């Protein structure tokens, strides 16, 4: 089909912000549908197969980090034959709290849009993860994969999260407001979070429910979408979430990819170095140096060995 050929030739890489947006609107006009939602958001729809991927993304991150500088849903529409609905924010930090978005989803509900699909998966990370959970109530029995989502930024419910002060002034108490409550109609939900980030861990506990699985990524930090993508496991996780087969056991297999992910290993390195845990640090350095020559790890290992630290006597329970 001509539409599929167009999807294979997105031509979005290397464009500045204005040219990127113009190209996106051009593609939408040819193979899908595009609608402005107020001054800060854009809805893009491509109808293909019987499975629908609903993603919330921001334009700066999509341009900088996504493969081919494309909305993630478009790549899945091309590679999996899924339909996709993408809600794009023009702002890098956005929780999609806009009456124009409420009205858009109200219209989709009234039109029975989500009823046309066999499977529906809502997806997002950070503020977009919040939005994926919150707006999933529009499609009862949908599935939700949210990376590092906030449950709410309402100061009355989350007074302990003061990281996003400008966003806290927005209304999180009206339509589609409290994300854990909106998830009650989902058939399955997965919340990926780093329990070592106190605020993220507290948000995750608010999502605890029979239909929700909490997936822990200790020490992965604040950019799980980027890191899981670089580990080459994010697309597989999305596939399993769409199928409804993602669980703690399958995620454990994906999470093992961190052992070859240098940013994660550097995070562990600096944490162990700061804590003065020489034996564990030496073991980490040896692990990294088995497969590659990394001067940072080699230099530190030499320093530890020169001090006479015995890294070989560690118990298995001390493994990083």
Foldseek 3Di string as FASTA:
>chain_A
DVLLVCLVVQPQAPDPPVVNVVSVVVNQVVAHHKDDQPDWKIKGWGAWDQEEEEFEEEQVCLQPFNVVSDDPRSVCCNPVVHIYIYMYTPDHDDLPQGVSVVVVLVVCLVVVVLVSHPAYEYEYEESRLLVSLLSCLSRFQHEYEYELYAQALACVVCVPDCPCVVCNPGDQDDHSRGRLVSNPRYQAYEYEYAVVPPNSVVRVVSNDDPRYHYAYQHQPDRCVVSQLVVLVCPVVQVVCRRVVNDDRVVVVVSSVSLLVRVVSLVSVLVVCVVVVVLLQLLVSLVSVVVVDDDPVSVVSNVVSVVVVDDNPPDDPVSHD
